[in-house]
């Protein structure tokens, strides 16, 4: 089987390609082909391009029998960029898959597209952009074996946003904006879910959530980190309103700002949790890591590779 993968040099993409490259023939689309070469060597077919360049997508996707669309933008000071990548980019990938007659499609969305607990609608531009990305696949690939996956917070090797959480914990402190329940997923389990979906044929459209099956507060996650690092730390409660003020005050920093205005919209909610029941029912997926074990694996990787 030849699999076309977008977002291959991103956090989830790197882990996905590294798992699948020895089992399948892999074709990837990359903005930076040199970085892709450094990541994967000659074990994958590397094509220069991006999800907003339709011709490069179609060229790289040719002769593939499956598509895994991972590429996406998580935050931006200009919300238009979120729609440009997450909605318009998804449209281009869906159109190419339709034109080339590819039936097996896995689209990586986000729990943000579903929305927070007890609301079931997006609350941020990021969430809406991911939902509209789903709509593009539904529009153009409605008659295919389309599997849409909505993961929660993903962490693990190569991840840089959650790496900031580790750095903060190592200083002995961890800010808590609102101690609501969260779901988490270690990246190895995320890749396992992707692999299961590639190998599963629904013969119809289906949307799945995935997690390690548990719910954790940010305080509990912080407790695990302090314990793993062997330090006595403390959590600091921060009012979400104060966080919004900080986001607005640092907006001039654009993408270098510590917190985007859009992300603050995802804070003052009842929770961000989900399970994996339907995924297990259809594919047999069972996560291998709970949060504490996954954080330990991630911490060891950061230390081994000189990040911490």
C-alpha atoms as a PDB file:
ATOM      1  CA  UNK A   1       0.000   0.000   0.000  1.00  0.00           C
ATOM      2  CA  UNK A   2       1.212   3.483  -0.884  1.00  0.00           C
ATOM      3  CA  UNK A   3       0.108   6.181   1.570  1.00  0.00           C
ATOM      4  CA  UNK A   4       0.153   9.916   0.926  1.00  0.00           C
ATOM      5  CA  UNK A   5       0.701  11.966   4.110  1.00  0.00           C
ATOM      6  CA  UNK A   6       0.468  15.729   4.648  1.00  0.00           C
ATOM      7  CA  UNK A   7       2.038  17.469   7.634  1.00  0.00           C
ATOM      8  CA  UNK A   8       4.780  14.849   7.687  1.00  0.00           C
ATOM      9  CA  UNK A   9       7.441  17.100   9.240  1.00  0.00           C
ATOM     10  CA  UNK A  10       5.172  18.273  12.049  1.00  0.00           C
ATOM     11  CA  UNK A  11       4.938  16.673  15.469  1.00  0.00           C
ATOM     12  CA  UNK A  12       2.265  14.064  14.722  1.00  0.00           C
ATOM     13  CA  UNK A  13       3.482  13.650  11.148  1.00  0.00           C
ATOM     14  CA  UNK A  14       7.054  12.749  12.073  1.00  0.00           C
ATOM     15  CA  UNK A  15       5.860  10.094  14.510  1.00  0.00           C
ATOM     16  CA  UNK A  16       3.355   8.758  11.973  1.00  0.00           C
ATOM     17  CA  UNK A  17       5.860   8.450   9.127  1.00  0.00           C
ATOM     18  CA  UNK A  18       8.468   6.872  11.405  1.00  0.00           C
ATOM     19  CA  UNK A  19       5.973   4.181  12.413  1.00  0.00           C
ATOM     20  CA  UNK A  20       4.600   3.482   8.945  1.00  0.00           C
ATOM     21  CA  UNK A  21       7.649   3.875   6.691  1.00  0.00           C
ATOM     22  CA  UNK A  22       8.940   0.337   7.300  1.00  0.00           C
ATOM     23  CA  UNK A  23       5.520  -1.191   6.642  1.00  0.00           C
ATOM     24  CA  UNK A  24       4.159   0.855   3.743  1.00  0.00           C
ATOM     25  CA  UNK A  25       5.378   2.887   0.808  1.00  0.00           C
ATOM     26  CA  UNK A  26       5.103   6.527   1.882  1.00  0.00           C
ATOM     27  CA  UNK A  27       4.773   9.719  -0.160  1.00  0.00           C
ATOM     28  CA  UNK A  28       4.868  13.044   1.687  1.00  0.00           C
ATOM     29  CA  UNK A  29       4.326  16.712   0.940  1.00  0.00           C
ATOM     30  CA  UNK A  30       6.813  19.097   2.585  1.00  0.00           C
ATOM     31  CA  UNK A  31       7.475  22.821   2.519  1.00  0.00           C
ATOM     32  CA  UNK A  32      11.067  22.208   3.595  1.00  0.00           C
ATOM     33  CA  UNK A  33      12.377  19.214   1.671  1.00  0.00           C
ATOM     34  CA  UNK A  34      15.782  19.422   3.362  1.00  0.00           C
ATOM     35  CA  UNK A  35      14.178  19.028   6.787  1.00  0.00           C
ATOM     36  CA  UNK A  36      12.135  16.130   5.461  1.00  0.00           C
ATOM     37  CA  UNK A  37      15.313  14.531   4.131  1.00  0.00           C
ATOM     38  CA  UNK A  38      16.965  14.920   7.532  1.00  0.00           C
ATOM     39  CA  UNK A  39      13.945  13.351   9.230  1.00  0.00           C
ATOM     40  CA  UNK A  40      13.384  10.373   6.937  1.00  0.00           C
ATOM     41  CA  UNK A  41      16.352   9.956   4.638  1.00  0.00           C
ATOM     42  CA  UNK A  42      15.611   7.990   1.471  1.00  0.00           C
ATOM     43  CA  UNK A  43      12.903   5.814   3.013  1.00  0.00           C
ATOM     44  CA  UNK A  44      10.038   8.006   1.771  1.00  0.00           C
ATOM     45  CA  UNK A  45       9.203   9.864  -1.435  1.00  0.00           C
ATOM     46  CA  UNK A  46       9.495  13.577  -0.682  1.00  0.00           C
ATOM     47  CA  UNK A  47       7.617  16.148  -2.765  1.00  0.00           C
ATOM     48  CA  UNK A  48       7.987  19.889  -2.323  1.00  0.00           C
ATOM     49  CA  UNK A  49       4.721  21.719  -1.759  1.00  0.00           C
ATOM     50  CA  UNK A  50       2.055  22.620   0.752  1.00  0.00           C
ATOM     51  CA  UNK A  51      -1.671  22.122   1.273  1.00  0.00           C
ATOM     52  CA  UNK A  52      -2.505  25.486  -0.287  1.00  0.00           C
ATOM     53  CA  UNK A  53      -0.809  24.528  -3.554  1.00  0.00           C
ATOM     54  CA  UNK A  54      -3.240  22.167  -5.283  1.00  0.00           C
ATOM     55  CA  UNK A  55      -0.900  21.108  -8.095  1.00  0.00           C
ATOM     56  CA  UNK A  56       1.799  20.019  -5.650  1.00  0.00           C
ATOM     57  CA  UNK A  57      -0.777  17.960  -3.718  1.00  0.00           C
ATOM     58  CA  UNK A  58      -2.066  16.160  -6.789  1.00  0.00           C
ATOM     59  CA  UNK A  59       1.442  15.440  -8.014  1.00  0.00           C
ATOM     60  CA  UNK A  60       2.541  13.969  -4.687  1.00  0.00           C
ATOM     61  CA  UNK A  61      -0.694  12.014  -4.218  1.00  0.00           C
ATOM     62  CA  UNK A  62      -0.542  10.187  -7.568  1.00  0.00           C
ATOM     63  CA  UNK A  63      -0.387   6.383  -7.396  1.00  0.00           C
ATOM     64  CA  UNK A  64      -1.386   6.374  -3.714  1.00  0.00           C
ATOM     65  CA  UNK A  65      -4.083   4.074  -2.372  1.00  0.00           C
ATOM     66  CA  UNK A  66      -4.650   5.925   0.903  1.00  0.00           C
ATOM     67  CA  UNK A  67      -4.487   9.517   2.173  1.00  0.00           C
ATOM     68  CA  UNK A  68      -3.711  10.712   5.693  1.00  0.00           C
ATOM     69  CA  UNK A  69      -4.266  14.444   6.038  1.00  0.00           C
ATOM     70  CA  UNK A  70      -2.465  15.675   9.176  1.00  0.00           C
ATOM     71  CA  UNK A  71      -1.293  19.163   8.169  1.00  0.00           C
ATOM     72  CA  UNK A  72      -2.937  21.981  10.087  1.00  0.00           C
ATOM     73  CA  UNK A  73      -2.409  25.261  11.878  1.00  0.00           C
ATOM     74  CA  UNK A  74      -3.090  25.347  15.629  1.00  0.00           C
ATOM     75  CA  UNK A  75      -2.756  29.039  16.362  1.00  0.00           C
ATOM     76  CA  UNK A  76      -2.147  32.321  14.595  1.00  0.00           C
ATOM     77  CA  UNK A  77      -2.432  35.976  15.556  1.00  0.00           C
ATOM     78  CA  UNK A  78      -4.392  36.422  12.327  1.00  0.00           C
ATOM     79  CA  UNK A  79      -7.381  34.080  12.415  1.00  0.00           C
ATOM     80  CA  UNK A  80      -7.613  34.215   8.604  1.00  0.00           C
ATOM     81  CA  UNK A  81      -4.514  32.030   8.472  1.00  0.00           C
ATOM     82  CA  UNK A  82      -6.384  29.314  10.394  1.00  0.00           C
ATOM     83  CA  UNK A  83      -9.089  29.148   7.726  1.00  0.00           C
ATOM     84  CA  UNK A  84      -6.556  29.383   4.913  1.00  0.00           C
ATOM     85  CA  UNK A  85      -4.722  26.283   6.134  1.00  0.00           C
ATOM     86  CA  UNK A  86      -7.343  24.241   7.983  1.00  0.00           C
ATOM     87  CA  UNK A  87     -10.330  24.833   5.701  1.00  0.00           C
ATOM     88  CA  UNK A  88      -8.849  25.712   2.306  1.00  0.00           C
ATOM     89  CA  UNK A  89      -5.955  23.280   2.647  1.00  0.00           C
ATOM     90  CA  UNK A  90      -8.374  20.479   3.502  1.00  0.00           C
ATOM     91  CA  UNK A  91     -10.442  21.368   0.450  1.00  0.00           C
ATOM     92  CA  UNK A  92      -7.410  20.970  -1.802  1.00  0.00           C
ATOM     93  CA  UNK A  93      -6.505  17.574  -0.332  1.00  0.00           C
ATOM     94  CA  UNK A  94     -10.121  16.371  -0.585  1.00  0.00           C
ATOM     95  CA  UNK A  95     -10.407  17.551  -4.201  1.00  0.00           C
ATOM     96  CA  UNK A  96      -7.179  15.803  -5.183  1.00  0.00           C
ATOM     97  CA  UNK A  97      -8.294  12.555  -3.518  1.00  0.00           C
ATOM     98  CA  UNK A  98     -11.611  12.769  -5.369  1.00  0.00           C
ATOM     99  CA  UNK A  99      -9.971  13.469  -8.736  1.00  0.00           C
ATOM    100  CA  UNK A 100      -7.470  10.631  -8.326  1.00  0.00           C
ATOM    101  CA  UNK A 101     -10.159   8.200  -7.191  1.00  0.00           C
ATOM    102  CA  UNK A 102      -8.653   7.426  -3.787  1.00  0.00           C
ATOM    103  CA  UNK A 103     -11.167   5.760  -1.492  1.00  0.00           C
ATOM    104  CA  UNK A 104      -9.248   5.233   1.773  1.00  0.00           C
ATOM    105  CA  UNK A 105      -9.016   8.624   3.526  1.00  0.00           C
ATOM    106  CA  UNK A 106      -8.100   9.514   7.116  1.00  0.00           C
ATOM    107  CA  UNK A 107      -8.572  13.169   8.031  1.00  0.00           C
ATOM    108  CA  UNK A 108      -7.050  14.377  11.307  1.00  0.00           C
ATOM    109  CA  UNK A 109      -9.303  17.014  12.784  1.00  0.00           C
ATOM    110  CA  UNK A 110      -9.495  18.117  16.437  1.00  0.00           C
ATOM    111  CA  UNK A 111     -11.728  17.879  19.478  1.00  0.00           C
ATOM    112  CA  UNK A 112     -12.011  21.657  19.055  1.00  0.00           C
ATOM    113  CA  UNK A 113     -14.205  20.966  16.011  1.00  0.00           C
ATOM    114  CA  UNK A 114     -16.711  19.231  18.295  1.00  0.00           C
ATOM    115  CA  UNK A 115     -16.409  21.886  20.952  1.00  0.00           C
ATOM    116  CA  UNK A 116     -16.079  21.722  24.751  1.00  0.00           C
ATOM    117  CA  UNK A 117     -18.043  19.424  27.051  1.00  0.00           C
ATOM    118  CA  UNK A 118     -21.757  20.209  27.379  1.00  0.00           C
ATOM    119  CA  UNK A 119     -21.728  22.589  24.429  1.00  0.00           C
ATOM    120  CA  UNK A 120     -20.942  20.568  21.287  1.00  0.00           C
ATOM    121  CA  UNK A 121     -20.022  23.459  19.047  1.00  0.00           C
ATOM    122  CA  UNK A 122     -16.701  25.224  18.426  1.00  0.00           C
ATOM    123  CA  UNK A 123     -15.857  28.250  20.555  1.00  0.00           C
ATOM    124  CA  UNK A 124     -12.765  29.506  18.725  1.00  0.00           C
ATOM    125  CA  UNK A 125     -11.677  30.318  15.190  1.00  0.00           C
ATOM    126  CA  UNK A 126      -9.364  27.326  15.426  1.00  0.00           C
ATOM    127  CA  UNK A 127     -12.290  25.044  16.244  1.00  0.00           C
ATOM    128  CA  UNK A 128     -14.455  26.478  13.474  1.00  0.00           C
ATOM    129  CA  UNK A 129     -11.618  26.234  10.940  1.00  0.00           C
ATOM    130  CA  UNK A 130     -11.148  22.550  11.786  1.00  0.00           C
ATOM    131  CA  UNK A 131     -14.899  21.917  11.550  1.00  0.00           C
ATOM    132  CA  UNK A 132     -15.011  23.601   8.150  1.00  0.00           C
ATOM    133  CA  UNK A 133     -12.072  21.435   7.119  1.00  0.00           C
ATOM    134  CA  UNK A 134     -14.199  18.405   7.978  1.00  0.00           C
ATOM    135  CA  UNK A 135     -17.032  19.841   5.879  1.00  0.00           C
ATOM    136  CA  UNK A 136     -14.725  20.084   2.854  1.00  0.00           C
ATOM    137  CA  UNK A 137     -13.984  16.365   3.094  1.00  0.00           C
ATOM    138  CA  UNK A 138     -17.655  15.586   3.622  1.00  0.00           C
ATOM    139  CA  UNK A 139     -18.515  17.682   0.584  1.00  0.00           C
ATOM    140  CA  UNK A 140     -16.038  16.130  -1.833  1.00  0.00           C
ATOM    141  CA  UNK A 141     -15.455  12.649  -0.384  1.00  0.00           C
ATOM    142  CA  UNK A 142     -18.933  11.780   0.872  1.00  0.00           C
ATOM    143  CA  UNK A 143     -18.954   8.605  -1.222  1.00  0.00           C
ATOM    144  CA  UNK A 144     -15.567   7.350   0.003  1.00  0.00           C
ATOM    145  CA  UNK A 145     -14.250   5.405   2.976  1.00  0.00           C
ATOM    146  CA  UNK A 146     -13.748   8.654   4.891  1.00  0.00           C
ATOM    147  CA  UNK A 147     -12.635   8.459   8.509  1.00  0.00           C
ATOM    148  CA  UNK A 148     -12.404  11.692  10.505  1.00  0.00           C
ATOM    149  CA  UNK A 149     -10.453  11.596  13.768  1.00  0.00           C
ATOM    150  CA  UNK A 150     -10.887  14.207  16.513  1.00  0.00           C
ATOM    151  CA  UNK A 151      -8.045  13.916  19.046  1.00  0.00           C
ATOM    152  CA  UNK A 152      -7.723  15.934  22.278  1.00  0.00           C
ATOM    153  CA  UNK A 153      -4.394  17.302  23.583  1.00  0.00           C
ATOM    154  CA  UNK A 154      -1.608  15.233  22.028  1.00  0.00           C
ATOM    155  CA  UNK A 155       1.865  15.147  23.579  1.00  0.00           C
ATOM    156  CA  UNK A 156       5.091  13.224  23.100  1.00  0.00           C
ATOM    157  CA  UNK A 157       8.473  13.320  21.285  1.00  0.00           C
ATOM    158  CA  UNK A 158       9.028  16.296  18.938  1.00  0.00           C
ATOM    159  CA  UNK A 159       6.093  18.258  20.422  1.00  0.00           C
ATOM    160  CA  UNK A 160       6.937  21.913  21.102  1.00  0.00           C
ATOM    161  CA  UNK A 161       3.782  23.478  22.562  1.00  0.00           C
ATOM    162  CA  UNK A 162       3.517  20.974  25.415  1.00  0.00           C
ATOM    163  CA  UNK A 163       7.281  21.228  25.800  1.00  0.00           C
ATOM    164  CA  UNK A 164       6.651  24.683  27.292  1.00  0.00           C
ATOM    165  CA  UNK A 165       4.528  22.971  29.949  1.00  0.00           C
ATOM    166  CA  UNK A 166       7.504  20.757  30.805  1.00  0.00           C
ATOM    167  CA  UNK A 167       9.845  23.745  30.983  1.00  0.00           C
ATOM    168  CA  UNK A 168       7.492  25.550  33.331  1.00  0.00           C
ATOM    169  CA  UNK A 169       7.134  22.475  35.536  1.00  0.00           C
ATOM    170  CA  UNK A 170      10.899  22.127  35.775  1.00  0.00           C
ATOM    171  CA  UNK A 171      10.963  25.595  37.355  1.00  0.00           C
ATOM    172  CA  UNK A 172       8.659  24.247  40.048  1.00  0.00           C
ATOM    173  CA  UNK A 173       5.504  26.050  38.997  1.00  0.00           C
ATOM    174  CA  UNK A 174       2.541  25.353  36.762  1.00  0.00           C
ATOM    175  CA  UNK A 175      -0.205  27.876  35.998  1.00  0.00           C
ATOM    176  CA  UNK A 176      -3.778  26.570  36.118  1.00  0.00           C
ATOM    177  CA  UNK A 177      -6.396  28.678  34.373  1.00  0.00           C
ATOM    178  CA  UNK A 178      -9.415  26.556  35.242  1.00  0.00           C
ATOM    179  CA  UNK A 179      -9.305  23.076  36.752  1.00  0.00           C
ATOM    180  CA  UNK A 180     -11.654  21.441  34.308  1.00  0.00           C
ATOM    181  CA  UNK A 181     -11.416  17.860  32.978  1.00  0.00           C
ATOM    182  CA  UNK A 182      -9.170  17.281  29.978  1.00  0.00           C
ATOM    183  CA  UNK A 183      -8.473  14.263  27.812  1.00  0.00           C
ATOM    184  CA  UNK A 184      -4.920  13.548  26.678  1.00  0.00           C
ATOM    185  CA  UNK A 185      -3.305  11.224  24.160  1.00  0.00           C
ATOM    186  CA  UNK A 186       0.316  10.121  23.902  1.00  0.00           C
ATOM    187  CA  UNK A 187       1.520  10.459  20.319  1.00  0.00           C
ATOM    188  CA  UNK A 188       2.385   6.777  19.958  1.00  0.00           C
ATOM    189  CA  UNK A 189      -1.254   5.962  20.653  1.00  0.00           C
ATOM    190  CA  UNK A 190      -2.320   8.675  18.205  1.00  0.00           C
ATOM    191  CA  UNK A 191      -0.247   7.026  15.497  1.00  0.00           C
ATOM    192  CA  UNK A 192      -1.656   3.635  16.438  1.00  0.00           C
ATOM    193  CA  UNK A 193      -5.164   5.043  15.952  1.00  0.00           C
ATOM    194  CA  UNK A 194      -4.191   6.399  12.525  1.00  0.00           C
ATOM    195  CA  UNK A 195      -2.728   3.032  11.524  1.00  0.00           C
ATOM    196  CA  UNK A 196      -5.868   1.217  12.691  1.00  0.00           C
ATOM    197  CA  UNK A 197      -8.055   3.545  10.620  1.00  0.00           C
ATOM    198  CA  UNK A 198      -5.898   3.143   7.512  1.00  0.00           C
ATOM    199  CA  UNK A 199      -6.356  -0.613   7.783  1.00  0.00           C
ATOM    200  CA  UNK A 200     -10.085  -0.445   8.560  1.00  0.00           C
ATOM    201  CA  UNK A 201     -12.763  -0.203   5.881  1.00  0.00           C
ATOM    202  CA  UNK A 202     -16.060   1.361   6.955  1.00  0.00           C
ATOM    203  CA  UNK A 203     -17.418   1.722   3.411  1.00  0.00           C
ATOM    204  CA  UNK A 204     -18.962   4.945   4.690  1.00  0.00           C
ATOM    205  CA  UNK A 205     -18.194   8.176   6.503  1.00  0.00           C
ATOM    206  CA  UNK A 206     -17.543   8.026  10.230  1.00  0.00           C
ATOM    207  CA  UNK A 207     -16.261  10.528  12.796  1.00  0.00           C
ATOM    208  CA  UNK A 208     -14.284   9.267  15.796  1.00  0.00           C
ATOM    209  CA  UNK A 209     -12.868  10.717  18.978  1.00  0.00           C
ATOM    210  CA  UNK A 210      -9.777   9.243  20.607  1.00  0.00           C
ATOM    211  CA  UNK A 211      -8.012   9.601  23.966  1.00  0.00           C
ATOM    212  CA  UNK A 212      -6.360   7.441  26.613  1.00  0.00           C
ATOM    213  CA  UNK A 213      -9.829   6.883  28.063  1.00  0.00           C
ATOM    214  CA  UNK A 214      -9.383   8.960  31.203  1.00  0.00           C
ATOM    215  CA  UNK A 215     -10.160  12.507  32.361  1.00  0.00           C
ATOM    216  CA  UNK A 216      -7.560  14.619  34.163  1.00  0.00           C
ATOM    217  CA  UNK A 217      -7.477  18.111  35.607  1.00  0.00           C
ATOM    218  CA  UNK A 218      -4.529  20.374  34.821  1.00  0.00           C
ATOM    219  CA  UNK A 219      -3.562  20.154  38.496  1.00  0.00           C
ATOM    220  CA  UNK A 220      -3.359  16.356  38.307  1.00  0.00           C
ATOM    221  CA  UNK A 221      -1.280  16.565  35.137  1.00  0.00           C
ATOM    222  CA  UNK A 222       1.042  19.020  36.919  1.00  0.00           C
ATOM    223  CA  UNK A 223       1.302  16.669  39.913  1.00  0.00           C
ATOM    224  CA  UNK A 224       2.431  13.893  37.577  1.00  0.00           C
ATOM    225  CA  UNK A 225       5.065  16.157  36.002  1.00  0.00           C
ATOM    226  CA  UNK A 226       6.485  17.268  39.356  1.00  0.00           C
ATOM    227  CA  UNK A 227       6.666  13.635  40.480  1.00  0.00           C
ATOM    228  CA  UNK A 228       8.385  12.504  37.254  1.00  0.00           C
ATOM    229  CA  UNK A 229      10.944  15.300  37.569  1.00  0.00           C
ATOM    230  CA  UNK A 230      11.478  14.582  41.244  1.00  0.00           C
ATOM    231  CA  UNK A 231      10.775  18.135  42.339  1.00  0.00           C
ATOM    232  CA  UNK A 232       8.406  19.787  44.782  1.00  0.00           C
ATOM    233  CA  UNK A 233       6.348  22.135  42.692  1.00  0.00           C
ATOM    234  CA  UNK A 234       3.143  24.054  43.047  1.00  0.00           C
ATOM    235  CA  UNK A 235       0.270  25.115  40.842  1.00  0.00           C
ATOM    236  CA  UNK A 236      -0.752  28.741  40.524  1.00  0.00           C
ATOM    237  CA  UNK A 237      -4.381  29.523  39.829  1.00  0.00           C
ATOM    238  CA  UNK A 238      -4.842  32.215  37.190  1.00  0.00           C
ATOM    239  CA  UNK A 239      -8.199  33.776  36.467  1.00  0.00           C
ATOM    240  CA  UNK A 240      -9.164  33.200  32.800  1.00  0.00           C
ATOM    241  CA  UNK A 241     -10.070  36.894  32.603  1.00  0.00           C
ATOM    242  CA  UNK A 242      -6.484  37.816  33.488  1.00  0.00           C
ATOM    243  CA  UNK A 243      -5.257  35.435  30.795  1.00  0.00           C
ATOM    244  CA  UNK A 244      -7.435  37.233  28.257  1.00  0.00           C
ATOM    245  CA  UNK A 245      -5.966  40.582  29.321  1.00  0.00           C
ATOM    246  CA  UNK A 246      -2.466  39.160  28.838  1.00  0.00           C
ATOM    247  CA  UNK A 247      -3.416  37.852  25.395  1.00  0.00           C
ATOM    248  CA  UNK A 248      -4.760  41.232  24.293  1.00  0.00           C
ATOM    249  CA  UNK A 249      -1.803  43.095  25.829  1.00  0.00           C
ATOM    250  CA  UNK A 250       0.739  40.931  23.997  1.00  0.00           C
ATOM    251  CA  UNK A 251      -1.149  40.735  20.697  1.00  0.00           C
ATOM    252  CA  UNK A 252       1.412  43.094  19.144  1.00  0.00           C
ATOM    253  CA  UNK A 253       3.921  40.211  19.424  1.00  0.00           C
ATOM    254  CA  UNK A 254       1.810  38.323  16.889  1.00  0.00           C
ATOM    255  CA  UNK A 255       2.833  34.658  16.606  1.00  0.00           C
ATOM    256  CA  UNK A 256       5.483  35.126  19.312  1.00  0.00           C
ATOM    257  CA  UNK A 257       2.871  36.043  21.912  1.00  0.00           C
ATOM    258  CA  UNK A 258       2.684  33.543  24.808  1.00  0.00           C
ATOM    259  CA  UNK A 259      -1.061  33.181  24.366  1.00  0.00           C
ATOM    260  CA  UNK A 260      -3.281  33.946  21.394  1.00  0.00           C
ATOM    261  CA  UNK A 261      -6.584  35.764  21.815  1.00  0.00           C
ATOM    262  CA  UNK A 262      -8.307  32.930  19.980  1.00  0.00           C
ATOM    263  CA  UNK A 263      -6.977  30.311  22.417  1.00  0.00           C
ATOM    264  CA  UNK A 264      -8.392  32.202  25.418  1.00  0.00           C
ATOM    265  CA  UNK A 265     -11.866  31.447  24.049  1.00  0.00           C
ATOM    266  CA  UNK A 266     -11.234  27.765  24.762  1.00  0.00           C
ATOM    267  CA  UNK A 267     -10.466  28.316  28.453  1.00  0.00           C
ATOM    268  CA  UNK A 268     -13.651  29.366  30.207  1.00  0.00           C
ATOM    269  CA  UNK A 269     -15.616  26.181  29.476  1.00  0.00           C
ATOM    270  CA  UNK A 270     -16.787  23.030  31.310  1.00  0.00           C
ATOM    271  CA  UNK A 271     -14.078  20.743  29.998  1.00  0.00           C
ATOM    272  CA  UNK A 272     -12.398  19.124  26.999  1.00  0.00           C
ATOM    273  CA  UNK A 273     -12.874  15.390  27.335  1.00  0.00           C
ATOM    274  CA  UNK A 274     -13.715  12.453  25.090  1.00  0.00           C
ATOM    275  CA  UNK A 275     -13.362   8.690  24.847  1.00  0.00           C
ATOM    276  CA  UNK A 276     -12.447   6.096  22.232  1.00  0.00           C
ATOM    277  CA  UNK A 277     -15.374   3.667  22.435  1.00  0.00           C
ATOM    278  CA  UNK A 278     -16.453   3.819  18.782  1.00  0.00           C
ATOM    279  CA  UNK A 279     -12.860   3.581  17.576  1.00  0.00           C
ATOM    280  CA  UNK A 280     -12.350   0.494  19.723  1.00  0.00           C
ATOM    281  CA  UNK A 281     -15.612  -1.041  18.524  1.00  0.00           C
ATOM    282  CA  UNK A 282     -14.706  -0.627  14.851  1.00  0.00           C
ATOM    283  CA  UNK A 283     -10.939  -1.172  14.852  1.00  0.00           C
ATOM    284  CA  UNK A 284      -9.986  -2.797  18.147  1.00  0.00           C
ATOM    285  CA  UNK A 285      -7.948   0.260  19.154  1.00  0.00           C
ATOM    286  CA  UNK A 286      -6.778   0.253  22.784  1.00  0.00           C
ATOM    287  CA  UNK A 287      -4.363   2.952  24.053  1.00  0.00           C
ATOM    288  CA  UNK A 288      -1.126   1.725  25.573  1.00  0.00           C
ATOM    289  CA  UNK A 289      -0.315   4.788  27.675  1.00  0.00           C
ATOM    290  CA  UNK A 290      -2.150   6.611  30.427  1.00  0.00           C
ATOM    291  CA  UNK A 291      -1.108  10.200  31.135  1.00  0.00           C
ATOM    292  CA  UNK A 292       1.524   9.493  33.772  1.00  0.00           C
ATOM    293  CA  UNK A 293       3.285   6.817  31.701  1.00  0.00           C
ATOM    294  CA  UNK A 294       3.120   8.949  28.564  1.00  0.00           C
ATOM    295  CA  UNK A 295       4.523  11.989  30.359  1.00  0.00           C
ATOM    296  CA  UNK A 296       7.394   9.864  31.668  1.00  0.00           C
ATOM    297  CA  UNK A 297       8.202   8.643  28.143  1.00  0.00           C
ATOM    298  CA  UNK A 298       8.052  12.221  26.867  1.00  0.00           C
ATOM    299  CA  UNK A 299      10.245  13.583  29.658  1.00  0.00           C
ATOM    300  CA  UNK A 300      12.869  10.884  29.054  1.00  0.00           C
ATOM    301  CA  UNK A 301      12.880  11.736  25.333  1.00  0.00           C
ATOM    302  CA  UNK A 302      13.291  15.473  26.010  1.00  0.00           C
ATOM    303  CA  UNK A 303      16.229  14.743  28.332  1.00  0.00           C
ATOM    304  CA  UNK A 304      17.848  12.229  25.970  1.00  0.00           C
ATOM    305  CA  UNK A 305      17.685  14.663  23.049  1.00  0.00           C
ATOM    306  CA  UNK A 306      18.913  17.664  25.026  1.00  0.00           C
ATOM    307  CA  UNK A 307      15.636  19.561  25.103  1.00  0.00           C
ATOM    308  CA  UNK A 308      15.578  19.566  28.907  1.00  0.00           C
END
